[in-house]
Amino acid sequence: MIAVCRVHQLLEDDQGRVGVTAIDKRPVEGPVKVHKLGLHGDVQANRVHHGGEDQALYAYSQADADYWQEQLQRELPPGIFGENLRVSGIDATGAVIGERWKIGLDVEVEVTSPRVPCDTFQRRMGEPQWIRRFTEAGRVGTYLRVVKTGTIEAGDHIHRLFVPRHGITVGKWFSDPTPEDVQTLLDAEADGEIRLQPEYREEFEKVMRRFGATI
């Protein structure tokens, strides 16, 4: 793991519902405690859209950051995407929904859902048409649920504890969800293989309507 990032300062966000945003994440040195709602000392300004236990942490891969550095021709340090974890050696966007990671000695997390870009993210990046570009690239990273609390720090090793058989990654679900994916995820949850966050129900309905299908 390259860096652990938490909020540096709350920024005004007059166009958001809360009025402030905690997207300004920056690396911290030394051990950081991980709770069910994320990093100790971090803030979730808007838990309706970005937070809660199902989105306690946000991980972004260095490989994806490198892609954007080349595209944008500027340095993109850890935290610039609003991520808590800048990771290497593991593909956050390519992680299977429900996949579990162990970070360091004791923290365990579970892959839940892709990051959906918003206006706040676009203002943070200061790039024209950023929402469209980020969406089209599909390099979205993943939100994580904390399964086992503990302490992490930069340099900790991340390894997979469990990868669900269904095979649907957060990147696939974000960029190309199909009715078959919906049924596969529902079956995986019914079998007890994964636990989907409630927001997936609404997403399932949108996908099925788009294809004129029913669950």
N, C-alpha and C. Protein backbone atom coordinates (compact mmCIF):
# COMPACT_ATOMS: atom_id res chain seq x y z
N MET A 1 0.86 -1.19 0.00
CA MET A 1 0.00 0.00 0.00
C MET A 1 0.89 1.24 0.00
N ILE A 2 0.62 2.14 -0.90
CA ILE A 2 1.46 3.32 -1.05
C ILE A 2 1.17 4.38 -0.02
N ALA A 3 -0.10 4.63 0.26
CA ALA A 3 -0.44 5.71 1.18
C ALA A 3 -1.80 5.48 1.83
N VAL A 4 -1.91 5.98 3.06
CA VAL A 4 -3.18 6.05 3.78
C VAL A 4 -3.54 7.53 3.87
N CYS A 5 -4.73 7.91 3.43
CA CYS A 5 -5.10 9.31 3.34
C CYS A 5 -6.39 9.59 4.11
N ARG A 6 -6.41 10.70 4.78
CA ARG A 6 -7.65 11.13 5.45
C ARG A 6 -7.81 12.62 5.24
N VAL A 7 -8.94 13.14 5.66
CA VAL A 7 -9.28 14.53 5.35
C VAL A 7 -8.24 15.49 5.93
N HIS A 8 -7.82 16.43 5.07
CA HIS A 8 -6.88 17.47 5.49
C HIS A 8 -7.64 18.67 6.04
N GLN A 9 -8.67 19.06 5.31
CA GLN A 9 -9.56 20.12 5.77
C GLN A 9 -10.88 20.01 5.04
N LEU A 10 -11.94 20.42 5.69
CA LEU A 10 -13.24 20.46 5.04
C LEU A 10 -13.30 21.68 4.13
N LEU A 11 -13.74 21.48 2.92
CA LEU A 11 -13.84 22.56 1.95
C LEU A 11 -15.30 22.96 1.75
N GLU A 12 -15.50 24.22 1.45
CA GLU A 12 -16.85 24.68 1.17
C GLU A 12 -17.34 24.04 -0.12
N ASP A 13 -18.59 23.66 -0.12
CA ASP A 13 -19.20 23.03 -1.30
C ASP A 13 -20.63 23.54 -1.39
N ASP A 14 -20.75 24.79 -1.81
CA ASP A 14 -22.05 25.45 -1.84
C ASP A 14 -23.05 24.76 -2.77
N GLN A 15 -22.53 24.00 -3.72
CA GLN A 15 -23.42 23.35 -4.67
C GLN A 15 -23.87 21.98 -4.19
N GLY A 16 -23.34 21.54 -3.06
CA GLY A 16 -23.73 20.25 -2.50
C GLY A 16 -24.82 20.41 -1.46
N ARG A 17 -25.42 19.31 -1.05
CA ARG A 17 -26.52 19.35 -0.09
C ARG A 17 -26.04 19.64 1.33
N VAL A 18 -24.78 19.26 1.63
CA VAL A 18 -24.28 19.40 2.99
C VAL A 18 -23.62 20.75 3.22
N GLY A 19 -23.07 21.36 2.17
CA GLY A 19 -22.40 22.66 2.30
C GLY A 19 -20.91 22.55 2.46
N VAL A 20 -20.40 21.40 2.83
CA VAL A 20 -18.96 21.16 2.93
C VAL A 20 -18.66 19.79 2.31
N THR A 21 -17.40 19.61 1.97
CA THR A 21 -16.97 18.33 1.43
C THR A 21 -15.67 17.91 2.10
N ALA A 22 -15.53 16.60 2.30
CA ALA A 22 -14.32 16.04 2.90
C ALA A 22 -13.44 15.39 1.84
N ILE A 23 -13.56 15.83 0.59
CA ILE A 23 -12.83 15.19 -0.50
C ILE A 23 -11.34 15.49 -0.46
N ASP A 24 -10.93 16.51 0.29
CA ASP A 24 -9.51 16.87 0.37
C ASP A 24 -8.77 15.90 1.29
N LYS A 25 -8.40 14.75 0.73
CA LYS A 25 -7.66 13.74 1.48
C LYS A 25 -6.16 13.87 1.19
N ARG A 26 -5.35 13.66 2.23
CA ARG A 26 -3.90 13.72 2.04
C ARG A 26 -3.24 12.63 2.89
N PRO A 27 -2.07 12.18 2.45
CA PRO A 27 -1.38 11.09 3.16
C PRO A 27 -1.02 11.47 4.59
N VAL A 28 -1.07 10.48 5.46
CA VAL A 28 -0.65 10.66 6.85
C VAL A 28 0.45 9.64 7.15
N GLU A 29 1.32 10.01 8.05
CA GLU A 29 2.42 9.14 8.43
C GLU A 29 2.05 8.31 9.65
N GLY A 30 2.63 7.13 9.71
CA GLY A 30 2.44 6.28 10.87
C GLY A 30 1.14 5.50 10.87
N PRO A 31 0.92 4.71 11.91
CA PRO A 31 -0.28 3.87 12.00
C PRO A 31 -1.56 4.69 12.13
N VAL A 32 -2.62 4.19 11.50
CA VAL A 32 -3.94 4.82 11.59
C VAL A 32 -4.95 3.74 11.93
N LYS A 33 -5.77 4.03 12.92
CA LYS A 33 -6.80 3.07 13.31
C LYS A 33 -7.92 3.05 12.27
N VAL A 34 -8.45 1.86 12.05
CA VAL A 34 -9.56 1.68 11.11
C VAL A 34 -10.78 1.21 11.89
N HIS A 35 -11.85 1.98 11.81
CA HIS A 35 -13.11 1.65 12.47
C HIS A 35 -14.13 1.20 11.43
N LYS A 36 -15.30 0.86 11.87
CA LYS A 36 -16.36 0.43 10.95
C LYS A 36 -16.76 1.52 9.96
N LEU A 37 -16.58 2.78 10.35
CA LEU A 37 -16.94 3.89 9.47
C LEU A 37 -15.71 4.49 8.79
N GLY A 38 -14.59 3.80 8.86
CA GLY A 38 -13.42 4.27 8.14
C GLY A 38 -12.24 4.58 9.04
N LEU A 39 -11.41 5.51 8.58
CA LEU A 39 -10.18 5.85 9.28
C LEU A 39 -10.44 6.77 10.47
N HIS A 40 -9.72 6.52 11.55
CA HIS A 40 -9.79 7.42 12.70
C HIS A 40 -9.29 8.80 12.27
N GLY A 41 -10.06 9.83 12.57
CA GLY A 41 -9.69 11.19 12.21
C GLY A 41 -10.18 11.62 10.84
N ASP A 42 -10.80 10.71 10.10
CA ASP A 42 -11.35 11.07 8.81
C ASP A 42 -12.79 11.55 9.01
N VAL A 43 -13.37 12.11 7.95
CA VAL A 43 -14.73 12.65 8.03
C VAL A 43 -15.51 12.19 6.80
N GLN A 44 -16.76 11.82 7.01
CA GLN A 44 -17.69 11.57 5.90
C GLN A 44 -18.73 12.67 5.97
N ALA A 45 -18.54 13.69 5.14
CA ALA A 45 -19.43 14.85 5.21
C ALA A 45 -20.83 14.53 4.73
N ASN A 46 -20.94 13.60 3.79
CA ASN A 46 -22.24 13.26 3.22
C ASN A 46 -22.38 11.74 3.20
N ARG A 47 -22.93 11.18 4.26
CA ARG A 47 -23.05 9.73 4.33
C ARG A 47 -24.18 9.17 3.48
N VAL A 48 -25.03 10.04 2.97
CA VAL A 48 -26.11 9.56 2.11
C VAL A 48 -25.53 9.07 0.79
N HIS A 49 -24.57 9.83 0.25
CA HIS A 49 -24.02 9.50 -1.07
C HIS A 49 -22.60 8.98 -1.03
N HIS A 50 -21.85 9.30 0.02
CA HIS A 50 -20.46 8.87 0.10
C HIS A 50 -20.15 8.51 1.55
N GLY A 51 -20.45 7.30 1.93
CA GLY A 51 -20.10 6.95 3.30
C GLY A 51 -20.95 5.85 3.86
N GLY A 52 -21.00 5.82 5.21
CA GLY A 52 -21.67 4.73 5.87
C GLY A 52 -20.77 3.51 5.90
N GLU A 53 -21.22 2.47 6.53
CA GLU A 53 -20.38 1.28 6.69
C GLU A 53 -20.08 0.58 5.37
N ASP A 54 -20.98 0.70 4.38
CA ASP A 54 -20.75 0.04 3.10
C ASP A 54 -19.76 0.79 2.21
N GLN A 55 -19.48 2.04 2.57
CA GLN A 55 -18.50 2.84 1.84
C GLN A 55 -17.54 3.49 2.82
N ALA A 56 -17.05 2.68 3.74
CA ALA A 56 -16.21 3.19 4.82
C ALA A 56 -14.86 3.67 4.31
N LEU A 57 -14.33 3.00 3.31
CA LEU A 57 -13.04 3.36 2.74
C LEU A 57 -13.15 3.37 1.22
N TYR A 58 -12.32 4.19 0.60
CA TYR A 58 -12.25 4.23 -0.86
C TYR A 58 -10.82 3.95 -1.29
N ALA A 59 -10.63 2.94 -2.13
CA ALA A 59 -9.29 2.55 -2.59
C ALA A 59 -9.13 2.87 -4.07
N TYR A 60 -7.97 3.40 -4.41
CA TYR A 60 -7.67 3.70 -5.82
C TYR A 60 -6.27 3.18 -6.13
N SER A 61 -6.14 2.53 -7.28
CA SER A 61 -4.88 1.89 -7.65
C SER A 61 -3.91 2.88 -8.27
N GLN A 62 -2.63 2.68 -7.96
CA GLN A 62 -1.59 3.53 -8.55
C GLN A 62 -1.56 3.38 -10.06
N ALA A 63 -1.86 2.19 -10.57
CA ALA A 63 -1.87 1.99 -12.03
C ALA A 63 -2.90 2.90 -12.70
N ASP A 64 -4.06 3.07 -12.07
CA ASP A 64 -5.08 3.97 -12.62
C ASP A 64 -4.65 5.42 -12.48
N ALA A 65 -4.01 5.75 -11.36
CA ALA A 65 -3.50 7.11 -11.17
C ALA A 65 -2.43 7.43 -12.21
N ASP A 66 -1.58 6.44 -12.53
CA ASP A 66 -0.55 6.64 -13.56
C ASP A 66 -1.19 6.92 -14.91
N TYR A 67 -2.28 6.21 -15.21
CA TYR A 67 -3.00 6.45 -16.46
C TYR A 67 -3.45 7.91 -16.53
N TRP A 68 -4.03 8.40 -15.45
CA TRP A 68 -4.54 9.77 -15.45
C TRP A 68 -3.41 10.80 -15.45
N GLN A 69 -2.30 10.46 -14.83
CA GLN A 69 -1.16 11.39 -14.87
C GLN A 69 -0.68 11.59 -16.30
N GLU A 70 -0.69 10.51 -17.07
CA GLU A 70 -0.29 10.62 -18.47
C GLU A 70 -1.33 11.38 -19.28
N GLN A 71 -2.61 11.12 -19.01
CA GLN A 71 -3.68 11.79 -19.75
C GLN A 71 -3.72 13.29 -19.44
N LEU A 72 -3.55 13.63 -18.18
CA LEU A 72 -3.70 15.02 -17.75
C LEU A 72 -2.39 15.79 -17.74
N GLN A 73 -1.28 15.05 -17.88
CA GLN A 73 0.05 15.67 -17.88
C GLN A 73 0.31 16.49 -16.62
N ARG A 74 -0.03 15.89 -15.48
CA ARG A 74 0.30 16.50 -14.20
C ARG A 74 0.37 15.44 -13.12
N GLU A 75 1.05 15.77 -12.04
CA GLU A 75 1.20 14.83 -10.95
C GLU A 75 -0.12 14.70 -10.19
N LEU A 76 -0.46 13.48 -9.82
CA LEU A 76 -1.69 13.22 -9.08
C LEU A 76 -1.32 12.44 -7.81
N PRO A 77 -1.00 13.16 -6.75
CA PRO A 77 -0.52 12.52 -5.53
C PRO A 77 -1.62 11.74 -4.82
N PRO A 78 -1.25 10.83 -3.93
CA PRO A 78 -2.25 10.09 -3.16
C PRO A 78 -3.23 11.04 -2.46
N GLY A 79 -4.50 10.71 -2.55
CA GLY A 79 -5.55 11.51 -1.94
C GLY A 79 -6.27 12.43 -2.89
N ILE A 80 -5.67 12.71 -4.06
CA ILE A 80 -6.26 13.67 -4.99
C ILE A 80 -7.61 13.21 -5.52
N PHE A 81 -7.81 11.89 -5.60
CA PHE A 81 -9.09 11.36 -6.05
C PHE A 81 -10.10 11.24 -4.91
N GLY A 82 -9.71 11.69 -3.73
CA GLY A 82 -10.57 11.54 -2.56
C GLY A 82 -10.43 10.17 -1.93
N GLU A 83 -9.38 9.43 -2.35
CA GLU A 83 -9.21 8.07 -1.85
C GLU A 83 -8.58 8.04 -0.47
N ASN A 84 -8.96 7.04 0.30
CA ASN A 84 -8.33 6.77 1.60
C ASN A 84 -7.09 5.92 1.45
N LEU A 85 -7.11 5.03 0.43
CA LEU A 85 -6.01 4.11 0.23
C LEU A 85 -5.52 4.21 -1.21
N ARG A 86 -4.26 4.58 -1.39
CA ARG A 86 -3.63 4.47 -2.72
C ARG A 86 -2.87 3.15 -2.70
N VAL A 87 -3.30 2.23 -3.54
CA VAL A 87 -2.78 0.87 -3.47
C VAL A 87 -1.98 0.50 -4.71
N SER A 88 -1.10 -0.47 -4.56
CA SER A 88 -0.34 -1.00 -5.67
C SER A 88 -0.30 -2.52 -5.53
N GLY A 89 -0.12 -3.19 -6.67
CA GLY A 89 -0.08 -4.64 -6.64
C GLY A 89 -1.44 -5.29 -6.53
N ILE A 90 -2.49 -4.48 -6.51
CA ILE A 90 -3.85 -5.00 -6.46
C ILE A 90 -4.73 -4.04 -7.26
N ASP A 91 -5.60 -4.57 -8.08
CA ASP A 91 -6.42 -3.76 -8.97
C ASP A 91 -7.76 -3.45 -8.30
N ALA A 92 -7.91 -2.22 -7.83
CA ALA A 92 -9.14 -1.84 -7.13
C ALA A 92 -10.34 -1.89 -8.06
N THR A 93 -10.19 -1.36 -9.28
CA THR A 93 -11.30 -1.37 -10.24
C THR A 93 -11.61 -2.79 -10.70
N GLY A 94 -10.61 -3.64 -10.75
CA GLY A 94 -10.80 -5.01 -11.20
C GLY A 94 -11.15 -5.98 -10.10
N ALA A 95 -11.42 -5.46 -8.90
CA ALA A 95 -11.78 -6.33 -7.77
C ALA A 95 -13.20 -6.85 -7.94
N VAL A 96 -13.41 -8.09 -7.56
CA VAL A 96 -14.73 -8.71 -7.65
C VAL A 96 -15.60 -8.23 -6.50
N ILE A 97 -16.84 -7.91 -6.79
CA ILE A 97 -17.77 -7.47 -5.74
C ILE A 97 -17.89 -8.56 -4.68
N GLY A 98 -17.61 -8.20 -3.43
CA GLY A 98 -17.63 -9.17 -2.34
C GLY A 98 -16.26 -9.73 -2.01
N GLU A 99 -15.25 -9.39 -2.82
CA GLU A 99 -13.87 -9.83 -2.57
C GLU A 99 -13.39 -9.28 -1.22
N ARG A 100 -12.60 -10.07 -0.51
CA ARG A 100 -12.08 -9.62 0.78
C ARG A 100 -10.56 -9.50 0.75
N TRP A 101 -10.08 -8.41 1.36
CA TRP A 101 -8.65 -8.17 1.46
C TRP A 101 -8.22 -8.14 2.92
N LYS A 102 -6.99 -8.54 3.16
CA LYS A 102 -6.38 -8.31 4.46
C LYS A 102 -5.30 -7.25 4.27
N ILE A 103 -5.33 -6.23 5.10
CA ILE A 103 -4.37 -5.14 5.02
C ILE A 103 -3.54 -5.13 6.30
N GLY A 104 -2.24 -5.27 6.14
CA GLY A 104 -1.38 -5.31 7.33
C GLY A 104 -1.61 -6.56 8.14
N LEU A 105 -1.55 -6.42 9.45
CA LEU A 105 -1.63 -7.58 10.33
C LEU A 105 -3.04 -7.99 10.70
N ASP A 106 -3.98 -7.03 10.75
CA ASP A 106 -5.27 -7.41 11.31
C ASP A 106 -6.50 -6.85 10.62
N VAL A 107 -6.38 -5.86 9.76
CA VAL A 107 -7.56 -5.25 9.15
C VAL A 107 -8.05 -6.09 7.97
N GLU A 108 -9.37 -6.32 7.93
CA GLU A 108 -9.98 -7.01 6.81
C GLU A 108 -11.09 -6.12 6.24
N VAL A 109 -11.14 -6.04 4.90
CA VAL A 109 -12.14 -5.22 4.24
C VAL A 109 -12.79 -6.01 3.13
N GLU A 110 -13.95 -5.55 2.71
CA GLU A 110 -14.72 -6.23 1.67
C GLU A 110 -15.09 -5.25 0.57
N VAL A 111 -14.86 -5.62 -0.66
CA VAL A 111 -15.19 -4.80 -1.82
C VAL A 111 -16.70 -4.71 -1.96
N THR A 112 -17.22 -3.47 -2.06
CA THR A 112 -18.67 -3.30 -2.12
C THR A 112 -19.17 -2.74 -3.44
N SER A 113 -18.63 -1.60 -3.89
CA SER A 113 -19.22 -0.94 -5.05
C SER A 113 -18.24 0.03 -5.69
N PRO A 114 -18.48 0.37 -6.96
CA PRO A 114 -17.62 1.35 -7.64
C PRO A 114 -17.90 2.77 -7.19
N ARG A 115 -16.93 3.62 -7.37
CA ARG A 115 -17.11 5.04 -7.11
C ARG A 115 -17.82 5.68 -8.30
N VAL A 116 -18.85 6.43 -8.03
CA VAL A 116 -19.59 7.14 -9.08
C VAL A 116 -19.18 8.61 -9.01
N PRO A 117 -18.62 9.17 -10.08
CA PRO A 117 -18.14 10.55 -10.04
C PRO A 117 -19.28 11.55 -9.89
N CYS A 118 -18.99 12.64 -9.20
CA CYS A 118 -20.01 13.66 -8.94
C CYS A 118 -19.43 15.04 -9.23
N ASP A 119 -20.29 16.07 -9.10
CA ASP A 119 -19.86 17.45 -9.37
C ASP A 119 -18.74 17.87 -8.41
N THR A 120 -18.83 17.43 -7.16
CA THR A 120 -17.79 17.79 -6.19
C THR A 120 -16.43 17.26 -6.64
N PHE A 121 -16.41 16.05 -7.15
CA PHE A 121 -15.18 15.44 -7.65
C PHE A 121 -14.64 16.24 -8.84
N GLN A 122 -15.52 16.67 -9.71
CA GLN A 122 -15.10 17.46 -10.87
C GLN A 122 -14.50 18.78 -10.43
N ARG A 123 -15.11 19.45 -9.46
CA ARG A 123 -14.56 20.71 -8.98
C ARG A 123 -13.21 20.49 -8.30
N ARG A 124 -13.08 19.39 -7.61
CA ARG A 124 -11.83 19.05 -6.95
C ARG A 124 -10.69 18.88 -7.97
N MET A 125 -10.98 18.20 -9.07
CA MET A 125 -9.96 17.91 -10.07
C MET A 125 -9.66 19.12 -10.96
N GLY A 126 -10.66 19.99 -11.13
CA GLY A 126 -10.44 21.18 -11.95
C GLY A 126 -10.20 20.87 -13.41
N GLU A 127 -10.79 19.78 -13.89
CA GLU A 127 -10.62 19.37 -15.28
C GLU A 127 -11.95 19.46 -16.02
N PRO A 128 -11.96 20.08 -17.20
CA PRO A 128 -13.21 20.18 -17.98
C PRO A 128 -13.76 18.79 -18.30
N GLN A 129 -15.07 18.66 -18.19
CA GLN A 129 -15.74 17.40 -18.53
C GLN A 129 -15.19 16.20 -17.76
N TRP A 130 -14.76 16.44 -16.52
CA TRP A 130 -14.12 15.37 -15.76
C TRP A 130 -15.06 14.20 -15.50
N ILE A 131 -16.30 14.48 -15.16
CA ILE A 131 -17.25 13.39 -14.89
C ILE A 131 -17.36 12.48 -16.10
N ARG A 132 -17.50 13.08 -17.27
CA ARG A 132 -17.62 12.28 -18.50
C ARG A 132 -16.34 11.49 -18.76
N ARG A 133 -15.20 12.13 -18.62
CA ARG A 133 -13.93 11.46 -18.90
C ARG A 133 -13.68 10.31 -17.92
N PHE A 134 -13.93 10.55 -16.65
CA PHE A 134 -13.72 9.53 -15.62
C PHE A 134 -14.66 8.35 -15.87
N THR A 135 -15.89 8.67 -16.23
CA THR A 135 -16.88 7.62 -16.49
C THR A 135 -16.49 6.79 -17.71
N GLU A 136 -16.12 7.45 -18.78
CA GLU A 136 -15.77 6.73 -20.01
C GLU A 136 -14.52 5.87 -19.83
N ALA A 137 -13.57 6.32 -19.03
CA ALA A 137 -12.36 5.54 -18.80
C ALA A 137 -12.65 4.31 -17.95
N GLY A 138 -13.65 4.42 -17.07
CA GLY A 138 -14.04 3.27 -16.25
C GLY A 138 -13.04 2.89 -15.18
N ARG A 139 -12.07 3.76 -14.90
CA ARG A 139 -11.06 3.48 -13.87
C ARG A 139 -11.53 4.11 -12.57
N VAL A 140 -12.48 3.43 -11.92
CA VAL A 140 -13.25 4.06 -10.85
C VAL A 140 -12.80 3.75 -9.44
N GLY A 141 -11.99 2.71 -9.25
CA GLY A 141 -11.64 2.33 -7.88
C GLY A 141 -12.82 1.68 -7.19
N THR A 142 -12.64 1.37 -5.91
CA THR A 142 -13.72 0.67 -5.20
C THR A 142 -13.90 1.16 -3.78
N TYR A 143 -15.15 1.13 -3.35
CA TYR A 143 -15.46 1.34 -1.94
C TYR A 143 -15.30 0.02 -1.19
N LEU A 144 -15.01 0.15 0.09
CA LEU A 144 -14.75 -1.02 0.93
C LEU A 144 -15.56 -0.95 2.22
N ARG A 145 -16.04 -2.11 2.63
CA ARG A 145 -16.68 -2.28 3.94
C ARG A 145 -15.63 -2.86 4.89
N VAL A 146 -15.57 -2.34 6.11
CA VAL A 146 -14.61 -2.84 7.09
C VAL A 146 -15.21 -4.06 7.80
N VAL A 147 -14.57 -5.20 7.63
CA VAL A 147 -15.03 -6.44 8.24
C VAL A 147 -14.37 -6.65 9.60
N LYS A 148 -13.10 -6.31 9.68
CA LYS A 148 -12.35 -6.46 10.92
C LYS A 148 -11.51 -5.20 11.13
N THR A 149 -11.72 -4.53 12.25
CA THR A 149 -11.02 -3.29 12.54
C THR A 149 -9.58 -3.57 12.98
N GLY A 150 -8.80 -2.51 13.03
CA GLY A 150 -7.41 -2.65 13.45
C GLY A 150 -6.63 -1.41 13.08
N THR A 151 -5.38 -1.59 12.72
CA THR A 151 -4.50 -0.47 12.39
C THR A 151 -3.76 -0.74 11.09
N ILE A 152 -3.65 0.28 10.26
CA ILE A 152 -2.92 0.17 9.00
C ILE A 152 -1.97 1.34 8.86
N GLU A 153 -1.02 1.20 7.93
CA GLU A 153 -0.13 2.32 7.60
C GLU A 153 0.46 2.09 6.22
N ALA A 154 0.99 3.17 5.66
CA ALA A 154 1.63 3.08 4.35
C ALA A 154 2.71 2.00 4.39
N GLY A 155 2.78 1.23 3.32
CA GLY A 155 3.76 0.16 3.25
C GLY A 155 3.20 -1.19 3.63
N ASP A 156 2.01 -1.22 4.22
CA ASP A 156 1.40 -2.50 4.58
C ASP A 156 1.10 -3.32 3.33
N HIS A 157 1.24 -4.62 3.46
CA HIS A 157 0.92 -5.53 2.35
C HIS A 157 -0.59 -5.77 2.31
N ILE A 158 -1.14 -5.86 1.11
CA ILE A 158 -2.54 -6.20 0.91
C ILE A 158 -2.60 -7.52 0.16
N HIS A 159 -3.33 -8.48 0.69
CA HIS A 159 -3.52 -9.71 -0.07
C HIS A 159 -4.98 -10.17 0.00
N ARG A 160 -5.38 -10.89 -1.01
CA ARG A 160 -6.77 -11.34 -1.11
C ARG A 160 -7.00 -12.53 -0.18
N LEU A 161 -8.05 -12.44 0.60
CA LEU A 161 -8.46 -13.56 1.45
C LEU A 161 -9.50 -14.43 0.77
N PHE A 162 -10.34 -13.78 -0.05
CA PHE A 162 -11.47 -14.49 -0.64
C PHE A 162 -11.91 -13.76 -1.91
N VAL A 163 -12.14 -14.52 -2.98
CA VAL A 163 -12.66 -13.96 -4.22
C VAL A 163 -13.91 -14.74 -4.61
N PRO A 164 -15.08 -14.09 -4.65
CA PRO A 164 -16.33 -14.77 -4.98
C PRO A 164 -16.29 -15.41 -6.36
N ARG A 165 -17.03 -16.48 -6.52
CA ARG A 165 -17.04 -17.21 -7.78
C ARG A 165 -17.79 -16.47 -8.89
N HIS A 166 -18.68 -15.56 -8.54
CA HIS A 166 -19.52 -14.93 -9.57
C HIS A 166 -18.70 -14.12 -10.57
N GLY A 167 -17.57 -13.56 -10.16
CA GLY A 167 -16.64 -12.94 -11.09
C GLY A 167 -16.94 -11.54 -11.57
N ILE A 168 -18.00 -10.91 -11.11
CA ILE A 168 -18.35 -9.57 -11.59
C ILE A 168 -17.55 -8.53 -10.82
N THR A 169 -16.74 -7.77 -11.52
CA THR A 169 -15.90 -6.76 -10.87
C THR A 169 -16.65 -5.44 -10.71
N VAL A 170 -16.13 -4.59 -9.86
CA VAL A 170 -16.74 -3.27 -9.70
C VAL A 170 -16.64 -2.49 -11.01
N GLY A 171 -15.54 -2.69 -11.75
CA GLY A 171 -15.39 -2.00 -13.03
C GLY A 171 -16.41 -2.47 -14.06
N LYS A 172 -16.65 -3.77 -14.12
CA LYS A 172 -17.67 -4.31 -15.03
C LYS A 172 -19.04 -3.79 -14.66
N TRP A 173 -19.37 -3.80 -13.38
CA TRP A 173 -20.68 -3.34 -12.96
C TRP A 173 -20.87 -1.86 -13.26
N PHE A 174 -19.82 -1.07 -13.11
CA PHE A 174 -19.91 0.37 -13.37
C PHE A 174 -20.08 0.65 -14.86
N SER A 175 -19.28 -0.01 -15.68
CA SER A 175 -19.22 0.33 -17.10
C SER A 175 -20.20 -0.42 -17.98
N ASP A 176 -20.54 -1.65 -17.61
CA ASP A 176 -21.35 -2.46 -18.53
C ASP A 176 -22.24 -3.46 -17.77
N PRO A 177 -23.15 -2.96 -16.93
CA PRO A 177 -24.02 -3.87 -16.20
C PRO A 177 -25.10 -4.44 -17.11
N THR A 178 -25.40 -5.71 -16.95
CA THR A 178 -26.41 -6.38 -17.78
C THR A 178 -27.42 -7.09 -16.89
N PRO A 179 -28.58 -7.47 -17.45
CA PRO A 179 -29.54 -8.26 -16.68
C PRO A 179 -28.93 -9.56 -16.16
N GLU A 180 -28.02 -10.15 -16.94
CA GLU A 180 -27.35 -11.37 -16.50
C GLU A 180 -26.50 -11.09 -15.25
N ASP A 181 -25.86 -9.93 -15.22
CA ASP A 181 -25.07 -9.55 -14.04
C ASP A 181 -25.98 -9.40 -12.82
N VAL A 182 -27.12 -8.77 -13.04
CA VAL A 182 -28.08 -8.58 -11.95
C VAL A 182 -28.46 -9.94 -11.34
N GLN A 183 -28.82 -10.87 -12.20
CA GLN A 183 -29.23 -12.18 -11.70
C GLN A 183 -28.08 -12.91 -11.02
N THR A 184 -26.90 -12.77 -11.58
CA THR A 184 -25.73 -13.42 -10.99
C THR A 184 -25.45 -12.89 -9.59
N LEU A 185 -25.54 -11.58 -9.42
CA LEU A 185 -25.30 -10.99 -8.10
C LEU A 185 -26.39 -11.38 -7.11
N LEU A 186 -27.63 -11.40 -7.57
CA LEU A 186 -28.73 -11.81 -6.70
C LEU A 186 -28.56 -13.27 -6.26
N ASP A 187 -28.14 -14.11 -7.18
CA ASP A 187 -27.91 -15.52 -6.85
C ASP A 187 -26.76 -15.67 -5.86
N ALA A 188 -25.71 -14.88 -6.07
CA ALA A 188 -24.55 -14.96 -5.17
C ALA A 188 -24.93 -14.52 -3.76
N GLU A 189 -25.78 -13.51 -3.67
CA GLU A 189 -26.23 -13.06 -2.35
C GLU A 189 -27.14 -14.11 -1.72
N ALA A 190 -28.05 -14.68 -2.51
CA ALA A 190 -28.96 -15.71 -1.99
C ALA A 190 -28.20 -16.92 -1.48
N ASP A 191 -27.08 -17.21 -2.12
CA ASP A 191 -26.25 -18.35 -1.70
C ASP A 191 -25.37 -18.03 -0.50
N GLY A 192 -25.40 -16.77 -0.06
CA GLY A 192 -24.58 -16.37 1.08
C GLY A 192 -23.14 -16.09 0.75
N GLU A 193 -22.84 -16.00 -0.54
CA GLU A 193 -21.46 -15.76 -0.97
C GLU A 193 -21.05 -14.31 -0.77
N ILE A 194 -21.99 -13.37 -0.95
CA ILE A 194 -21.71 -11.95 -0.81
C ILE A 194 -22.87 -11.28 -0.07
N ARG A 195 -22.61 -10.04 0.37
CA ARG A 195 -23.67 -9.23 0.98
C ARG A 195 -23.68 -7.89 0.26
N LEU A 196 -24.72 -7.65 -0.51
CA LEU A 196 -24.82 -6.43 -1.30
C LEU A 196 -25.34 -5.28 -0.45
N GLN A 197 -24.82 -4.09 -0.72
CA GLN A 197 -25.36 -2.92 -0.02
C GLN A 197 -26.73 -2.58 -0.59
N PRO A 198 -27.60 -1.97 0.20
CA PRO A 198 -28.99 -1.73 -0.22
C PRO A 198 -29.13 -0.96 -1.53
N GLU A 199 -28.18 -0.06 -1.82
CA GLU A 199 -28.28 0.75 -3.03
C GLU A 199 -28.31 -0.08 -4.31
N TYR A 200 -27.84 -1.30 -4.24
CA TYR A 200 -27.86 -2.14 -5.44
C TYR A 200 -29.28 -2.43 -5.92
N ARG A 201 -30.27 -2.44 -5.02
CA ARG A 201 -31.64 -2.76 -5.43
C ARG A 201 -32.14 -1.76 -6.47
N GLU A 202 -31.89 -0.48 -6.20
CA GLU A 202 -32.31 0.56 -7.14
C GLU A 202 -31.53 0.43 -8.45
N GLU A 203 -30.25 0.13 -8.35
CA GLU A 203 -29.44 -0.04 -9.55
C GLU A 203 -29.92 -1.24 -10.38
N PHE A 204 -30.29 -2.30 -9.69
CA PHE A 204 -30.80 -3.47 -10.40
C PHE A 204 -32.03 -3.11 -11.22
N GLU A 205 -32.94 -2.35 -10.60
CA GLU A 205 -34.17 -1.97 -11.29
C GLU A 205 -33.88 -1.11 -12.52
N LYS A 206 -32.90 -0.20 -12.39
CA LYS A 206 -32.53 0.65 -13.53
C LYS A 206 -32.00 -0.18 -14.69
N VAL A 207 -31.14 -1.14 -14.37
CA VAL A 207 -30.57 -1.98 -15.42
C VAL A 207 -31.65 -2.79 -16.11
N MET A 208 -32.55 -3.38 -15.33
CA MET A 208 -33.60 -4.20 -15.93
C MET A 208 -34.53 -3.37 -16.80
N ARG A 209 -34.88 -2.17 -16.36
CA ARG A 209 -35.73 -1.28 -17.16
C ARG A 209 -35.04 -0.91 -18.47
N ARG A 210 -33.74 -0.67 -18.39
CA ARG A 210 -32.99 -0.27 -19.59
C ARG A 210 -33.04 -1.36 -20.66
N PHE A 211 -33.04 -2.59 -20.21
CA PHE A 211 -33.06 -3.71 -21.15
C PHE A 211 -34.46 -4.28 -21.38
N GLY A 212 -35.47 -3.65 -20.73
CA GLY A 212 -36.82 -4.13 -20.89
C GLY A 212 -37.02 -5.50 -20.28
N ALA A 213 -36.30 -5.78 -19.20
CA ALA A 213 -36.35 -7.09 -18.55
C ALA A 213 -36.93 -6.96 -17.14
N THR A 214 -37.21 -8.06 -16.55
CA THR A 214 -37.71 -8.10 -15.18
C THR A 214 -36.90 -9.10 -14.36
N ILE A 215 -36.87 -8.85 -13.06
CA ILE A 215 -36.15 -9.76 -12.17
C ILE A 215 -37.00 -10.96 -11.85
